Amino acid sequence: MAGELLKKKREDLGLDLKDVSHTLRISSRYLRAIEEDDLSKLPGDVYLKGYVREYETLLGRTPGFPQTDISKT
């Protein structure tokens, strides 16, 4: 669910996943997993929270915004 919001915002801004990956220096595989809410593909909770925070910031969202509060646990 939270990943869908991030994906929609990225698409609304006209950003390509590869460009976002390059800008953030986060694997597009991890960003795709976040967008698909497939958190099992991510290395760990600490990385997940950092990746989501950076992604939200790039998209102009407030990091930790309740609708994108995401965690493996």
PDB file of N, CA and C in Angstrom:
ATOM      1  N   MET A   1       0.820  -1.202   0.000  1.00  0.00           N
ATOM      2  CA  MET A   1       0.000   0.000   0.000  1.00  0.00           C
ATOM      3  C   MET A   1       0.858   1.258   0.000  1.00  0.00           C
ATOM      4  N   ALA A   2       1.809   1.354   0.909  1.00  0.00           N
ATOM      5  CA  ALA A   2       2.670   2.539   0.967  1.00  0.00           C
ATOM      6  C   ALA A   2       3.496   2.651  -0.306  1.00  0.00           C
ATOM      7  N   GLY A   3       3.947   1.519  -0.816  1.00  0.00           N
ATOM      8  CA  GLY A   3       4.734   1.513  -2.043  1.00  0.00           C
ATOM      9  C   GLY A   3       3.951   2.049  -3.229  1.00  0.00           C
ATOM     10  N   GLU A   4       2.666   1.759  -3.258  1.00  0.00           N
ATOM     11  CA  GLU A   4       1.805   2.256  -4.332  1.00  0.00           C
ATOM     12  C   GLU A   4       1.770   3.783  -4.337  1.00  0.00           C
ATOM     13  N   LEU A   5       1.733   4.380  -3.153  1.00  0.00           N
ATOM     14  CA  LEU A   5       1.718   5.842  -3.045  1.00  0.00           C
ATOM     15  C   LEU A   5       3.012   6.439  -3.588  1.00  0.00           C
ATOM     16  N   LEU A   6       4.135   5.803  -3.262  1.00  0.00           N
ATOM     17  CA  LEU A   6       5.418   6.288  -3.755  1.00  0.00           C
ATOM     18  C   LEU A   6       5.495   6.153  -5.277  1.00  0.00           C
ATOM     19  N   LYS A   7       5.041   5.034  -5.795  1.00  0.00           N
ATOM     20  CA  LYS A   7       5.065   4.813  -7.238  1.00  0.00           C
ATOM     21  C   LYS A   7       4.189   5.833  -7.953  1.00  0.00           C
ATOM     22  N   LYS A   8       2.999   6.058  -7.431  1.00  0.00           N
ATOM     23  CA  LYS A   8       2.081   7.019  -8.049  1.00  0.00           C
ATOM     24  C   LYS A   8       2.693   8.417  -8.055  1.00  0.00           C
ATOM     25  N   LYS A   9       3.287   8.820  -6.940  1.00  0.00           N
ATOM     26  CA  LYS A   9       3.910  10.141  -6.856  1.00  0.00           C
ATOM     27  C   LYS A   9       5.057  10.255  -7.859  1.00  0.00           C
ATOM     28  N   ARG A  10       5.890   9.197  -7.969  1.00  0.00           N
ATOM     29  CA  ARG A  10       7.000   9.205  -8.927  1.00  0.00           C
ATOM     30  C   ARG A  10       6.477   9.346 -10.347  1.00  0.00           C
ATOM     31  N   GLU A  11       5.456   8.583 -10.669  1.00  0.00           N
ATOM     32  CA  GLU A  11       4.875   8.641 -12.011  1.00  0.00           C
ATOM     33  C   GLU A  11       4.222   9.993 -12.276  1.00  0.00           C
ATOM     34  N   ASP A  12       3.540  10.558 -11.277  1.00  0.00           N
ATOM     35  CA  ASP A  12       2.923  11.878 -11.428  1.00  0.00           C
ATOM     36  C   ASP A  12       3.976  12.950 -11.727  1.00  0.00           C
ATOM     37  N   LEU A  13       5.182  12.753 -11.163  1.00  0.00           N
ATOM     38  CA  LEU A  13       6.274  13.702 -11.394  1.00  0.00           C
ATOM     39  C   LEU A  13       7.015  13.411 -12.703  1.00  0.00           C
ATOM     40  N   GLY A  14       6.639  12.320 -13.366  1.00  0.00           N
ATOM     41  CA  GLY A  14       7.264  11.962 -14.632  1.00  0.00           C
ATOM     42  C   GLY A  14       8.682  11.432 -14.488  1.00  0.00           C
ATOM     43  N   LEU A  15       8.976  10.834 -13.342  1.00  0.00           N
ATOM     44  CA  LEU A  15      10.318  10.305 -13.087  1.00  0.00           C
ATOM     45  C   LEU A  15      10.402   8.832 -13.446  1.00  0.00           C
ATOM     46  N   ASP A  16      11.487   8.466 -14.091  1.00  0.00           N
ATOM     47  CA  ASP A  16      11.758   7.085 -14.441  1.00  0.00           C
ATOM     48  C   ASP A  16      12.459   6.399 -13.270  1.00  0.00           C
ATOM     49  N   LEU A  17      12.128   5.149 -13.034  1.00  0.00           N
ATOM     50  CA  LEU A  17      12.714   4.418 -11.914  1.00  0.00           C
ATOM     51  C   LEU A  17      14.242   4.355 -12.015  1.00  0.00           C
ATOM     52  N   LYS A  18      14.776   4.195 -13.212  1.00  0.00           N
ATOM     53  CA  LYS A  18      16.230   4.147 -13.391  1.00  0.00           C
ATOM     54  C   LYS A  18      16.883   5.470 -13.022  1.00  0.00           C
ATOM     55  N   ASP A  19      16.234   6.580 -13.374  1.00  0.00           N
ATOM     56  CA  ASP A  19      16.777   7.895 -13.028  1.00  0.00           C
ATOM     57  C   ASP A  19      16.761   8.107 -11.516  1.00  0.00           C
ATOM     58  N   VAL A  20      15.670   7.697 -10.881  1.00  0.00           N
ATOM     59  CA  VAL A  20      15.576   7.806  -9.421  1.00  0.00           C
ATOM     60  C   VAL A  20      16.657   6.950  -8.773  1.00  0.00           C
ATOM     61  N   SER A  21      16.844   5.762  -9.282  1.00  0.00           N
ATOM     62  CA  SER A  21      17.866   4.858  -8.767  1.00  0.00           C
ATOM     63  C   SER A  21      19.249   5.491  -8.874  1.00  0.00           C
ATOM     64  N   HIS A  22      19.543   6.084 -10.008  1.00  0.00           N
ATOM     65  CA  HIS A  22      20.836   6.726 -10.217  1.00  0.00           C
ATOM     66  C   HIS A  22      21.025   7.911  -9.273  1.00  0.00           C
ATOM     67  N   THR A  23      20.000   8.734  -9.156  1.00  0.00           N
ATOM     68  CA  THR A  23      20.069   9.917  -8.289  1.00  0.00           C
ATOM     69  C   THR A  23      20.279   9.534  -6.825  1.00  0.00           C
ATOM     70  N   LEU A  24      19.517   8.537  -6.361  1.00  0.00           N
ATOM     71  CA  LEU A  24      19.587   8.143  -4.945  1.00  0.00           C
ATOM     72  C   LEU A  24      20.709   7.157  -4.657  1.00  0.00           C
ATOM     73  N   ARG A  25      21.276   6.589  -5.711  1.00  0.00           N
ATOM     74  CA  ARG A  25      22.297   5.542  -5.546  1.00  0.00           C
ATOM     75  C   ARG A  25      21.748   4.346  -4.767  1.00  0.00           C
ATOM     76  N   ILE A  26      20.507   4.018  -5.111  1.00  0.00           N
ATOM     77  CA  ILE A  26      19.823   2.853  -4.545  1.00  0.00           C
ATOM     78  C   ILE A  26      19.436   1.972  -5.731  1.00  0.00           C
ATOM     79  N   SER A  27      19.706   0.699  -5.627  1.00  0.00           N
ATOM     80  CA  SER A  27      19.401  -0.233  -6.705  1.00  0.00           C
ATOM     81  C   SER A  27      17.938  -0.115  -7.138  1.00  0.00           C
ATOM     82  N   SER A  28      17.729  -0.099  -8.459  1.00  0.00           N
ATOM     83  CA  SER A  28      16.347  -0.041  -8.964  1.00  0.00           C
ATOM     84  C   SER A  28      15.570  -1.279  -8.520  1.00  0.00           C
ATOM     85  N   ARG A  29      16.286  -2.371  -8.301  1.00  0.00           N
ATOM     86  CA  ARG A  29      15.651  -3.608  -7.801  1.00  0.00           C
ATOM     87  C   ARG A  29      15.035  -3.354  -6.419  1.00  0.00           C
ATOM     88  N   TYR A  30      15.742  -2.623  -5.559  1.00  0.00           N
ATOM     89  CA  TYR A  30      15.217  -2.311  -4.227  1.00  0.00           C
ATOM     90  C   TYR A  30      14.064  -1.307  -4.311  1.00  0.00           C
ATOM     91  N   LEU A  31      14.205  -0.308  -5.169  1.00  0.00           N
ATOM     92  CA  LEU A  31      13.125   0.671  -5.314  1.00  0.00           C
ATOM     93  C   LEU A  31      11.854   0.005  -5.844  1.00  0.00           C
ATOM     94  N   ARG A  32      12.028  -0.898  -6.798  1.00  0.00           N
ATOM     95  CA  ARG A  32      10.872  -1.630  -7.334  1.00  0.00           C
ATOM     96  C   ARG A  32      10.221  -2.474  -6.240  1.00  0.00           C
ATOM     97  N   ALA A  33      11.043  -3.115  -5.422  1.00  0.00           N
ATOM     98  CA  ALA A  33      10.510  -3.926  -4.316  1.00  0.00           C
ATOM     99  C   ALA A  33       9.723  -3.053  -3.340  1.00  0.00           C
ATOM    100  N   ILE A  34      10.212  -1.857  -3.079  1.00  0.00           N
ATOM    101  CA  ILE A  34       9.491  -0.927  -2.189  1.00  0.00           C
ATOM    102  C   ILE A  34       8.151  -0.559  -2.822  1.00  0.00           C
ATOM    103  N   GLU A  35       8.167  -0.215  -4.096  1.00  0.00           N
ATOM    104  CA  GLU A  35       6.928   0.167  -4.781  1.00  0.00           C
ATOM    105  C   GLU A  35       5.922  -0.977  -4.835  1.00  0.00           C
ATOM    106  N   GLU A  36       6.416  -2.202  -4.891  1.00  0.00           N
ATOM    107  CA  GLU A  36       5.528  -3.371  -4.952  1.00  0.00           C
ATOM    108  C   GLU A  36       5.219  -3.941  -3.570  1.00  0.00           C
ATOM    109  N   ASP A  37       5.692  -3.268  -2.530  1.00  0.00           N
ATOM    110  CA  ASP A  37       5.509  -3.719  -1.147  1.00  0.00           C
ATOM    111  C   ASP A  37       6.030  -5.146  -0.947  1.00  0.00           C
ATOM    112  N   ASP A  38       7.096  -5.489  -1.662  1.00  0.00           N
ATOM    113  CA  ASP A  38       7.735  -6.800  -1.529  1.00  0.00           C
ATOM    114  C   ASP A  38       9.010  -6.626  -0.701  1.00  0.00           C
ATOM    115  N   LEU A  39       8.819  -6.429   0.583  1.00  0.00           N
ATOM    116  CA  LEU A  39       9.919  -6.058   1.472  1.00  0.00           C
ATOM    117  C   LEU A  39      10.897  -7.189   1.731  1.00  0.00           C
ATOM    118  N   SER A  40      10.539  -8.407   1.351  1.00  0.00           N
ATOM    119  CA  SER A  40      11.441  -9.541   1.541  1.00  0.00           C
ATOM    120  C   SER A  40      12.684  -9.422   0.661  1.00  0.00           C
ATOM    121  N   LYS A  41      12.638  -8.592  -0.362  1.00  0.00           N
ATOM    122  CA  LYS A  41      13.768  -8.425  -1.275  1.00  0.00           C
ATOM    123  C   LYS A  41      14.771  -7.377  -0.785  1.00  0.00           C
ATOM    124  N   LEU A  42      14.468  -6.752   0.338  1.00  0.00           N
ATOM    125  CA  LEU A  42      15.347  -5.708   0.865  1.00  0.00           C
ATOM    126  C   LEU A  42      16.275  -6.277   1.933  1.00  0.00           C
ATOM    127  N   PRO A  43      17.466  -5.676   2.084  1.00  0.00           N
ATOM    128  CA  PRO A  43      18.472  -6.250   2.981  1.00  0.00           C
ATOM    129  C   PRO A  43      18.148  -6.197   4.466  1.00  0.00           C
ATOM    130  N   GLY A  44      17.343  -5.279   4.928  1.00  0.00           N
ATOM    131  CA  GLY A  44      17.021  -5.209   6.350  1.00  0.00           C
ATOM    132  C   GLY A  44      16.240  -3.955   6.666  1.00  0.00           C
ATOM    133  N   ASP A  45      15.667  -3.921   7.870  1.00  0.00           N
ATOM    134  CA  ASP A  45      14.816  -2.808   8.288  1.00  0.00           C
ATOM    135  C   ASP A  45      15.533  -1.465   8.267  1.00  0.00           C
ATOM    136  N   VAL A  46      16.777  -1.442   8.703  1.00  0.00           N
ATOM    137  CA  VAL A  46      17.520  -0.179   8.740  1.00  0.00           C
ATOM    138  C   VAL A  46      17.666   0.376   7.326  1.00  0.00           C
ATOM    139  N   TYR A  47      18.026  -0.500   6.379  1.00  0.00           N
ATOM    140  CA  TYR A  47      18.144  -0.071   4.989  1.00  0.00           C
ATOM    141  C   TYR A  47      16.790   0.356   4.445  1.00  0.00           C
ATOM    142  N   LEU A  48      15.771  -0.418   4.729  1.00  0.00           N
ATOM    143  CA  LEU A  48      14.427  -0.118   4.256  1.00  0.00           C
ATOM    144  C   LEU A  48      14.006   1.286   4.679  1.00  0.00           C
ATOM    145  N   LYS A  49      14.157   1.583   5.954  1.00  0.00           N
ATOM    146  CA  LYS A  49      13.749   2.906   6.459  1.00  0.00           C
ATOM    147  C   LYS A  49      14.554   4.020   5.809  1.00  0.00           C
ATOM    148  N   GLY A  50      15.862   3.802   5.630  1.00  0.00           N
ATOM    149  CA  GLY A  50      16.704   4.805   4.980  1.00  0.00           C
ATOM    150  C   GLY A  50      16.333   5.002   3.519  1.00  0.00           C
ATOM    151  N   TYR A  51      16.103   3.911   2.810  1.00  0.00           N
ATOM    152  CA  TYR A  51      15.726   3.997   1.405  1.00  0.00           C
ATOM    153  C   TYR A  51      14.398   4.736   1.242  1.00  0.00           C
ATOM    154  N   VAL A  52      13.429   4.392   2.060  1.00  0.00           N
ATOM    155  CA  VAL A  52      12.112   5.034   1.962  1.00  0.00           C
ATOM    156  C   VAL A  52      12.225   6.517   2.304  1.00  0.00           C
ATOM    157  N   ARG A  53      13.008   6.847   3.321  1.00  0.00           N
ATOM    158  CA  ARG A  53      13.185   8.257   3.708  1.00  0.00           C
ATOM    159  C   ARG A  53      13.796   9.050   2.538  1.00  0.00           C
ATOM    160  N   GLU A  54      14.833   8.507   1.921  1.00  0.00           N
ATOM    161  CA  GLU A  54      15.475   9.185   0.794  1.00  0.00           C
ATOM    162  C   GLU A  54      14.524   9.305  -0.400  1.00  0.00           C
ATOM    163  N   TYR A  55      13.780   8.264  -0.653  1.00  0.00           N
ATOM    164  CA  TYR A  55      12.823   8.244  -1.760  1.00  0.00           C
ATOM    165  C   TYR A  55      11.737   9.294  -1.531  1.00  0.00           C
ATOM    166  N   GLU A  56      11.199   9.348  -0.327  1.00  0.00           N
ATOM    167  CA  GLU A  56      10.172  10.336   0.007  1.00  0.00           C
ATOM    168  C   GLU A  56      10.705  11.752  -0.169  1.00  0.00           C
ATOM    169  N   THR A  57      11.919  11.989   0.291  1.00  0.00           N
ATOM    170  CA  THR A  57      12.518  13.316   0.181  1.00  0.00           C
ATOM    171  C   THR A  57      12.654  13.724  -1.281  1.00  0.00           C
ATOM    172  N   LEU A  58      13.135  12.813  -2.115  1.00  0.00           N
ATOM    173  CA  LEU A  58      13.278  13.097  -3.540  1.00  0.00           C
ATOM    174  C   LEU A  58      11.931  13.437  -4.172  1.00  0.00           C
ATOM    175  N   LEU A  59      10.895  12.747  -3.751  1.00  0.00           N
ATOM    176  CA  LEU A  59       9.561  12.964  -4.316  1.00  0.00           C
ATOM    177  C   LEU A  59       8.851  14.172  -3.718  1.00  0.00           C
ATOM    178  N   GLY A  60       9.487  14.838  -2.760  1.00  0.00           N
ATOM    179  CA  GLY A  60       8.894  16.031  -2.158  1.00  0.00           C
ATOM    180  C   GLY A  60       7.918  15.740  -1.046  1.00  0.00           C
ATOM    181  N   ARG A  61       7.976  14.537  -0.513  1.00  0.00           N
ATOM    182  CA  ARG A  61       7.097  14.166   0.599  1.00  0.00           C
ATOM    183  C   ARG A  61       7.855  14.332   1.906  1.00  0.00           C
ATOM    184  N   THR A  62       7.134  14.524   2.971  1.00  0.00           N
ATOM    185  CA  THR A  62       7.747  14.589   4.283  1.00  0.00           C
ATOM    186  C   THR A  62       8.135  13.181   4.712  1.00  0.00           C
ATOM    187  N   PRO A  63       9.447  12.941   4.977  1.00  0.00           N
ATOM    188  CA  PRO A  63       9.852  11.587   5.405  1.00  0.00           C
ATOM    189  C   PRO A  63       9.056  11.119   6.616  1.00  0.00           C
ATOM    190  N   GLY A  64       8.631   9.870   6.567  1.00  0.00           N
ATOM    191  CA  GLY A  64       7.864   9.304   7.664  1.00  0.00           C
ATOM    192  C   GLY A  64       6.393   9.652   7.628  1.00  0.00           C
ATOM    193  N   PHE A  65       5.968  10.282   6.535  1.00  0.00           N
ATOM    194  CA  PHE A  65       4.556  10.607   6.366  1.00  0.00           C
ATOM    195  C   PHE A  65       3.733   9.360   6.685  1.00  0.00           C
ATOM    196  N   PRO A  66       2.730   9.469   7.543  1.00  0.00           N
ATOM    197  CA  PRO A  66       2.018   8.277   8.030  1.00  0.00           C
ATOM    198  C   PRO A  66       1.606   7.278   6.961  1.00  0.00           C
ATOM    199  N   GLN A  67       1.165   7.739   5.801  1.00  0.00           N
ATOM    200  CA  GLN A  67       0.711   6.802   4.782  1.00  0.00           C
ATOM    201  C   GLN A  67       1.859   6.004   4.176  1.00  0.00           C
ATOM    202  N   THR A  68       3.095   6.457   4.340  1.00  0.00           N
ATOM    203  CA  THR A  68       4.218   5.708   3.795  1.00  0.00           C
ATOM    204  C   THR A  68       5.099   5.147   4.906  1.00  0.00           C
ATOM    205  N   ASP A  69       4.569   5.100   6.117  1.00  0.00           N
ATOM    206  CA  ASP A  69       5.301   4.462   7.198  1.00  0.00           C
ATOM    207  C   ASP A  69       5.357   2.978   6.872  1.00  0.00           C
ATOM    208  N   ILE A  70       6.571   2.486   6.646  1.00  0.00           N
ATOM    209  CA  ILE A  70       6.742   1.156   6.103  1.00  0.00           C
ATOM    210  C   ILE A  70       7.781   0.415   6.929  1.00  0.00           C
ATOM    211  N   SER A  71       7.532  -0.823   7.189  1.00  0.00           N
ATOM    212  CA  SER A  71       8.464  -1.644   7.981  1.00  0.00           C
ATOM    213  C   SER A  71       8.230  -3.100   7.663  1.00  0.00           C
ATOM    214  N   LYS A  72       9.305  -3.860   7.749  1.00  0.00           N
ATOM    215  CA  LYS A  72       9.192  -5.306   7.498  1.00  0.00           C
ATOM    216  C   LYS A  72       8.435  -6.014   8.608  1.00  0.00           C
ATOM    217  N   THR A  73       8.506  -5.458   9.808  1.00  0.00           N
ATOM    218  CA  THR A  73       7.893  -6.137  10.956  1.00  0.00           C
ATOM    219  C   THR A  73       6.477  -5.686  11.186  1.00  0.00           C
TER     220      THR A  73
END
